Amino acid sequence: MGRPHIEFVQGLDVSERAVKDGPFAGASQRLLSEDDVTAAYSALVRFPAGWRGELVDFPRPIELLGLRGRLQLTGHALEPGGYAFIPGETARTIVSAARQSLVLVMIDEERDSSDEQLQVIDTNTMKWEHFDHPDIAAGLVRKVLRIDPERADCTYLVGCVAGWQDERSERHPTIQEGFMIRGDMLLGEHGVMTPGGYFWRPPMGPHGPIVTREGAVFLLRTKDGGWDITYDEVPRGREMLAGYMEAEPYF
């Protein structure tokens, strides 16, 4: 079956369980989604102070986003807002937590990525850039963190200004995964996302209309191809957005 369509779950409401094996054994995690064929998964992982682990010839690429605390990755610091890509079959990588840390962990299917390098980025120092898609409503920006050199999979941060909205629904030809870091966002009939919200969408999964009162920041991943959008009109989409905005005072 692969991963089910998740639209959406509040990650901090997912039960936390001990990690008993694998590279993060001894930590605890809230499982957000899992592929029952490839065993790829995404989870919120909490590392206790003093935790230490090693990745030696681990066959799966790993992506990390620091949310709280601080990890050390073989001499590199991963702090809140830090992003890391650890290729599969890489040289020995030591991971440790001097204090309790919360990290979004995304482990992909087993595949050869040994020709890539460990990558650690402080996204807080990156500048936002505009999307180059002509149909995207103004006010949406991104920070591209990684593009897979073979599959064109993309990992990026997306930010939108307060009041950003689009009364249309949108679909993408790729899988899309997202985790909300801050802000608020109405996703049409799916409801309101808040920090910790998570989704996994299959190709062409519709979502929208969309509006945010305070603005929002997401980590997004697209998989199995490039990035494109198809827009659809939504009956009463404008009324849905106006109702959300009017539920709170403007000032």
Protein backbone atom coordinates (compact mmCIF):
# COMPACT_ATOMS: atom_id res chain seq x y z
CA MET A 1 0.00 0.00 0.00
CA GLY A 2 2.86 2.40 0.77
CA ARG A 3 2.08 5.44 2.89
CA PRO A 4 -1.56 6.41 3.40
CA HIS A 5 -2.87 9.86 2.56
CA ILE A 6 -2.65 11.91 5.78
CA GLU A 7 -4.40 15.28 5.66
CA PHE A 8 -3.50 16.09 8.40
CA VAL A 9 -2.43 14.97 11.90
CA GLN A 10 -1.25 17.04 14.87
CA GLY A 11 2.15 15.50 15.54
CA LEU A 12 2.28 16.38 19.23
CA ASP A 13 -0.99 14.49 19.78
CA VAL A 14 0.53 11.24 18.47
CA SER A 15 1.52 8.80 21.22
CA GLU A 16 5.21 8.85 22.06
CA ARG A 17 6.97 5.47 22.11
CA ALA A 18 10.49 4.30 22.86
CA VAL A 19 12.77 3.60 19.89
CA LYS A 20 14.08 0.10 20.53
CA ASP A 21 16.32 -0.48 17.52
CA GLY A 22 17.92 1.26 14.56
CA PRO A 23 20.24 4.27 14.58
CA PHE A 24 18.14 6.20 17.13
CA ALA A 25 17.58 3.42 19.67
CA GLY A 26 17.25 4.84 23.17
CA ALA A 27 15.37 7.94 22.01
CA SER A 28 11.57 8.20 21.82
CA GLN A 29 9.40 9.11 18.85
CA ARG A 30 5.97 10.14 17.64
CA LEU A 31 5.46 8.32 14.34
CA LEU A 32 3.87 10.63 11.76
CA SER A 33 3.76 8.35 8.72
CA GLU A 34 5.29 5.08 7.57
CA ASP A 35 5.56 3.15 4.31
CA ASP A 36 4.55 -0.47 4.91
CA VAL A 37 6.45 -1.59 1.80
CA THR A 38 9.80 0.21 2.07
CA ALA A 39 9.73 0.92 5.85
CA ALA A 40 10.53 4.58 5.14
CA TYR A 41 9.05 6.85 7.81
CA SER A 42 8.84 10.33 9.29
CA ALA A 43 8.71 10.97 13.03
CA LEU A 44 9.19 13.56 15.75
CA VAL A 45 12.12 12.15 17.71
CA ARG A 46 13.00 13.26 21.23
CA PHE A 47 16.60 12.66 22.28
CA PRO A 48 17.26 12.69 26.04
CA ALA A 49 20.20 14.65 27.42
CA GLY A 50 23.35 12.54 27.13
CA TRP A 51 22.04 10.35 24.30
CA ARG A 52 24.64 9.09 21.81
CA GLY A 53 24.33 6.93 18.72
CA GLU A 54 26.28 5.88 15.64
CA LEU A 55 25.36 5.41 11.99
CA VAL A 56 27.70 2.90 10.39
CA ASP A 57 26.87 1.72 6.85
CA PHE A 58 23.20 2.56 7.45
CA PRO A 59 21.62 1.95 4.00
CA ARG A 60 18.93 4.66 4.11
CA PRO A 61 19.31 8.41 3.54
CA ILE A 62 18.17 10.51 6.50
CA GLU A 63 16.97 14.11 6.66
CA LEU A 64 16.75 16.03 9.94
CA LEU A 65 15.24 19.34 10.99
CA GLY A 66 16.17 20.66 14.43
CA LEU A 67 13.19 21.96 16.41
CA ARG A 68 14.45 22.25 20.01
CA GLY A 69 17.73 21.63 21.79
CA ARG A 70 20.95 20.73 19.99
CA LEU A 71 22.47 17.68 18.31
CA GLN A 72 26.07 17.11 17.29
CA LEU A 73 26.65 15.31 13.99
CA THR A 74 30.33 14.38 13.77
CA GLY A 75 31.50 17.89 14.57
CA HIS A 76 28.50 19.74 13.10
CA ALA A 77 25.93 21.41 15.34
CA LEU A 78 22.23 20.94 14.55
CA GLU A 79 20.27 23.58 16.43
CA PRO A 80 16.67 24.81 16.02
CA GLY A 81 16.23 25.66 12.37
CA GLY A 82 19.17 23.47 11.37
CA TYR A 83 18.77 21.00 8.49
CA ALA A 84 20.90 17.93 7.83
CA PHE A 85 21.11 15.32 5.08
CA ILE A 86 22.93 12.10 5.97
CA PRO A 87 23.49 9.88 2.91
CA GLY A 88 23.03 6.14 3.14
CA GLU A 89 26.08 3.89 3.35
CA THR A 90 28.02 6.85 4.62
CA ALA A 91 31.15 6.76 6.73
CA ARG A 92 30.72 6.46 10.47
CA THR A 93 28.55 9.33 11.72
CA ILE A 94 28.29 9.98 15.45
CA VAL A 95 25.12 11.68 16.70
CA SER A 96 24.84 12.99 20.25
CA ALA A 97 22.62 15.25 22.36
CA ALA A 98 24.14 17.29 25.18
CA ARG A 99 20.65 18.33 26.26
CA GLN A 100 17.14 17.14 25.48
CA SER A 101 16.41 17.79 21.82
CA LEU A 102 13.41 17.47 19.50
CA VAL A 103 14.08 16.71 15.84
CA LEU A 104 11.92 16.00 12.81
CA VAL A 105 13.44 12.82 11.34
CA MET A 106 12.68 11.61 7.80
CA ILE A 107 14.20 8.25 6.85
CA ASP A 108 13.83 7.24 3.20
CA GLU A 109 13.73 3.85 1.53
CA GLU A 110 16.93 1.86 1.21
CA ARG A 111 18.91 3.13 -1.80
CA ASP A 112 22.45 3.98 -2.80
CA SER A 113 23.32 7.59 -2.01
CA SER A 114 26.94 6.93 -1.05
CA ASP A 115 28.23 9.39 -3.67
CA GLU A 116 26.68 12.27 -1.72
CA GLN A 117 28.12 14.08 1.29
CA LEU A 118 26.90 14.85 4.79
CA GLN A 119 25.17 18.22 4.60
CA VAL A 120 24.35 20.47 7.58
CA ILE A 121 22.73 23.89 7.02
CA ASP A 122 21.70 26.66 9.41
CA THR A 123 18.53 27.71 7.63
CA ASN A 124 18.20 30.76 9.87
CA THR A 125 21.03 32.44 7.93
CA MET A 126 19.50 31.75 4.50
CA LYS A 127 17.59 34.41 2.60
CA TRP A 128 14.05 33.77 1.40
CA GLU A 129 13.58 33.66 -2.37
CA HIS A 130 10.49 34.07 -4.53
CA PHE A 131 8.86 31.17 -6.33
CA ASP A 132 9.31 31.33 -10.09
CA HIS A 133 5.84 29.90 -10.79
CA PRO A 134 3.66 32.52 -12.54
CA ASP A 135 0.37 31.37 -10.98
CA ILE A 136 1.41 31.44 -7.30
CA ALA A 137 -0.19 34.29 -5.38
CA ALA A 138 2.33 36.89 -4.22
CA GLY A 139 3.49 36.60 -0.61
CA LEU A 140 4.84 33.02 -0.71
CA VAL A 141 8.61 32.47 -0.42
CA ARG A 142 10.98 29.54 0.02
CA LYS A 143 14.44 28.37 1.06
CA VAL A 144 15.63 25.38 -0.98
CA LEU A 145 17.59 23.03 1.27
CA ARG A 146 18.25 20.09 -1.02
CA ILE A 147 17.47 18.78 -4.51
CA ASP A 148 18.16 15.11 -5.16
CA PRO A 149 20.66 14.99 -8.05
CA GLU A 150 19.03 11.95 -9.68
CA ARG A 151 15.34 11.99 -8.76
CA ALA A 152 14.74 15.76 -8.48
CA ASP A 153 13.14 15.28 -5.05
CA CYS A 154 13.19 18.61 -3.24
CA THR A 155 13.30 19.63 0.42
CA TYR A 156 12.55 23.26 1.20
CA LEU A 157 11.13 25.69 3.72
CA VAL A 158 8.08 27.72 2.68
CA GLY A 159 6.96 30.93 4.36
CA CYS A 160 3.91 33.08 3.72
CA VAL A 161 2.94 36.52 4.94
CA ALA A 162 0.05 37.25 7.29
CA GLY A 163 -3.21 37.26 5.38
CA TRP A 164 -1.87 35.18 2.47
CA GLN A 165 -4.69 33.38 0.73
CA ASP A 166 -5.80 31.57 -2.39
CA GLU A 167 -9.46 30.68 -2.94
CA ARG A 168 -8.48 27.90 -5.36
CA SER A 169 -7.63 24.28 -4.61
CA GLU A 170 -4.28 22.96 -5.84
CA ARG A 171 -2.83 19.60 -6.86
CA HIS A 172 0.75 18.44 -7.49
CA PRO A 173 1.97 15.55 -9.70
CA THR A 174 4.42 14.56 -6.96
CA ILE A 175 4.09 13.22 -3.46
CA GLN A 176 4.10 16.14 -1.02
CA GLU A 177 5.02 15.93 2.66
CA GLY A 178 4.75 18.85 5.05
CA PHE A 179 5.36 19.80 8.69
CA MET A 180 4.17 23.11 10.12
CA ILE A 181 6.78 24.94 12.20
CA ARG A 182 4.88 28.09 13.13
CA GLY A 183 1.78 30.07 12.29
CA ASP A 184 -1.75 29.05 11.31
CA MET A 185 -3.40 27.92 8.08
CA LEU A 186 -6.88 26.93 7.00
CA LEU A 187 -6.71 24.08 4.46
CA GLY A 188 -10.25 24.16 3.15
CA GLU A 189 -12.49 21.43 4.50
CA HIS A 190 -9.52 19.67 6.13
CA GLY A 191 -9.49 22.29 8.89
CA VAL A 192 -6.90 24.53 10.53
CA MET A 193 -3.24 23.55 10.80
CA THR A 194 -1.17 24.82 13.73
CA PRO A 195 2.50 24.22 14.68
CA GLY A 196 3.20 20.48 14.75
CA GLY A 197 0.67 19.75 12.01
CA TYR A 198 1.82 17.14 9.46
CA PHE A 199 0.54 15.86 6.12
CA TRP A 200 1.52 13.26 3.50
CA ARG A 201 -0.23 13.71 0.16
CA PRO A 202 -0.19 11.29 -2.76
CA PRO A 203 0.26 12.71 -6.27
CA MET A 204 -2.62 14.99 -7.31
CA GLY A 205 -4.14 15.06 -3.82
CA PRO A 206 -6.28 18.25 -3.75
CA HIS A 207 -5.91 20.79 -0.93
CA GLY A 208 -7.41 24.23 -0.54
CA PRO A 209 -8.65 26.89 -0.49
CA ILE A 210 -5.92 28.25 1.79
CA VAL A 211 -5.64 31.26 4.09
CA THR A 212 -3.51 32.26 7.08
CA ARG A 213 -4.19 34.98 9.66
CA GLU A 214 -0.71 35.30 11.17
CA GLY A 215 1.48 33.84 8.42
CA ALA A 216 3.11 30.41 8.45
CA VAL A 217 6.36 28.48 7.98
CA PHE A 218 6.50 24.86 6.76
CA LEU A 219 9.11 22.28 5.94
CA LEU A 220 8.01 20.62 2.69
CA ARG A 221 9.32 17.70 0.67
CA THR A 222 8.26 16.75 -2.85
CA LYS A 223 9.11 13.26 -4.04
CA ASP A 224 9.12 11.33 -7.32
CA GLY A 225 9.70 14.19 -9.70
CA GLY A 226 9.80 17.93 -10.12
CA TRP A 227 7.48 20.55 -8.71
CA ASP A 228 4.37 21.80 -10.49
CA ILE A 229 0.82 22.94 -9.63
CA THR A 230 -2.63 22.48 -11.08
CA TYR A 231 -5.28 24.86 -9.74
CA ASP A 232 -9.02 24.17 -9.48
CA GLU A 233 -11.83 26.55 -8.64
CA VAL A 234 -13.66 25.77 -5.37
CA PRO A 235 -17.38 26.58 -5.00
CA ARG A 236 -17.78 29.05 -2.14
CA GLY A 237 -14.00 29.14 -1.69
CA ARG A 238 -13.99 32.90 -1.13
CA GLU A 239 -16.74 32.62 1.50
CA MET A 240 -14.81 29.87 3.31
CA LEU A 241 -11.70 32.05 3.57
CA ALA A 242 -13.67 35.11 4.66
CA GLY A 243 -15.39 33.12 7.41
CA TYR A 244 -12.04 32.02 8.83
CA MET A 245 -10.57 35.52 8.77
CA GLU A 246 -13.66 37.06 10.38
CA ALA A 247 -13.61 34.61 13.31
CA GLU A 248 -10.81 36.64 14.93
CA PRO A 249 -10.57 40.47 15.16
CA TYR A 250 -8.34 42.19 12.64
CA PHE A 251 -6.71 44.21 15.43
